[in-house]
Protein backbone atom coordinates (compact mmCIF):
# COMPACT_ATOMS: atom_id res chain seq x y z
CA MET A 1 30.95 55.06 -311.04
CA LEU A 2 32.46 56.33 -307.96
CA LYS A 3 35.91 57.01 -309.51
CA ASN A 4 34.04 59.55 -312.08
CA LYS A 5 32.29 61.15 -309.13
CA LEU A 6 35.45 61.61 -307.13
CA ALA A 7 37.35 63.06 -310.19
CA SER A 8 34.40 65.43 -310.73
CA ASP A 9 34.45 66.56 -307.16
CA ILE A 10 38.12 67.15 -307.30
CA LYS A 11 37.61 69.26 -310.55
CA ARG A 12 34.99 71.25 -308.72
CA VAL A 13 36.80 71.92 -305.39
CA LEU A 14 40.34 72.62 -307.05
CA GLY A 15 39.09 74.51 -310.21
CA VAL A 16 41.16 72.17 -312.42
CA SER A 17 40.09 70.80 -315.81
CA GLU A 18 41.57 67.47 -315.78
CA VAL A 19 42.02 64.81 -312.89
CA ALA A 20 43.63 61.40 -313.44
CA LEU A 21 42.65 59.04 -310.77
CA PHE A 22 44.11 55.52 -310.29
CA VAL A 23 43.96 52.66 -307.93
CA PRO A 24 47.25 52.18 -306.14
CA GLU A 25 48.88 48.91 -306.38
CA ILE A 26 49.57 48.92 -302.58
CA SER A 27 46.28 48.87 -300.70
CA GLU A 28 47.86 50.84 -297.77
CA HIS A 29 48.31 53.80 -300.30
CA GLY A 30 44.55 54.17 -300.34
CA ASP A 31 41.62 53.31 -302.52
CA PHE A 32 42.41 56.05 -305.19
CA SER A 33 45.28 58.14 -305.96
CA THR A 34 45.90 61.19 -308.10
CA ASN A 35 48.90 63.31 -309.35
CA VAL A 36 47.01 66.50 -309.83
CA ALA A 37 49.31 68.63 -307.75
CA MET A 38 52.15 67.53 -309.98
CA GLN A 39 50.47 68.73 -312.93
CA GLN A 40 50.37 72.41 -311.73
CA LYS A 41 53.19 74.14 -313.64
CA GLY A 42 55.48 76.31 -311.86
CA LYS A 43 54.49 75.28 -308.45
CA ASN A 44 56.11 72.94 -305.73
CA PRO A 45 54.12 69.84 -306.19
CA ARG A 46 54.42 68.94 -302.44
CA GLU A 47 53.13 72.19 -301.27
CA THR A 48 50.48 72.32 -303.84
CA ALA A 49 49.23 68.72 -302.73
CA ASN A 50 49.12 69.90 -299.08
CA ASP A 51 47.07 72.95 -300.12
CA PHE A 52 44.86 70.75 -302.36
CA VAL A 53 44.33 68.25 -299.52
CA GLY A 54 43.24 71.00 -297.29
CA LYS A 55 40.57 72.22 -299.50
CA LEU A 56 39.51 68.80 -300.58
CA SER A 57 39.17 67.84 -296.77
CA LYS A 58 36.73 70.54 -296.05
CA ASP A 59 34.29 69.82 -298.81
CA LYS A 60 30.94 68.35 -297.40
CA THR A 61 30.21 66.28 -300.64
CA ILE A 62 33.64 64.65 -300.62
CA GLN A 63 33.39 64.09 -296.56
CA LYS A 64 30.20 61.84 -297.54
CA TYR A 65 32.35 59.04 -298.96
CA ILE A 66 36.05 59.69 -298.26
CA SER A 67 37.24 59.20 -294.62
CA LYS A 68 41.11 60.26 -295.09
CA ILE A 69 42.93 62.28 -297.71
CA GLU A 70 46.88 62.46 -297.41
CA VAL A 71 49.81 63.61 -299.31
CA ALA A 72 52.52 60.97 -300.25
CA GLY A 73 55.74 61.14 -302.00
CA PRO A 74 56.67 64.05 -304.17
CA GLY A 75 52.88 65.21 -304.29
CA PHE A 76 50.46 62.29 -304.80
CA ILE A 77 47.21 62.63 -303.10
CA ASN A 78 45.77 59.43 -301.59
CA PHE A 79 41.97 58.93 -300.78
CA TRP A 80 40.23 56.38 -298.42
CA LEU A 81 36.63 55.38 -298.83
CA SER A 82 34.74 55.80 -295.82
CA ASP A 83 33.48 52.56 -293.88
CA LYS A 84 30.00 54.07 -293.94
CA TYR A 85 29.97 54.53 -297.80
CA LEU A 86 31.24 50.99 -298.40
CA LEU A 87 28.71 49.55 -296.03
CA ASP A 88 25.83 51.62 -297.43
CA ASN A 89 26.83 50.52 -300.95
CA LEU A 90 27.32 46.69 -300.35
């Protein structure tokens, strides 16, 4: 399942043990979202999210199926699936 793959890739890239992914209620907020940056104790969630987005955006495996990653609100990270991935998996 793609959700599990993305969670696994996030854990690998960021070196975290737990990642909760959910589907945003508003489609403009992406295909998946996580609050993993807000779970890092003692760190500013928004700054942590920006750092995490930089790392995730550079990962070659994630680039194969995610077209856009951005920070939202107090530190959420939103992900958009690439059109190529969606078309290849129809």
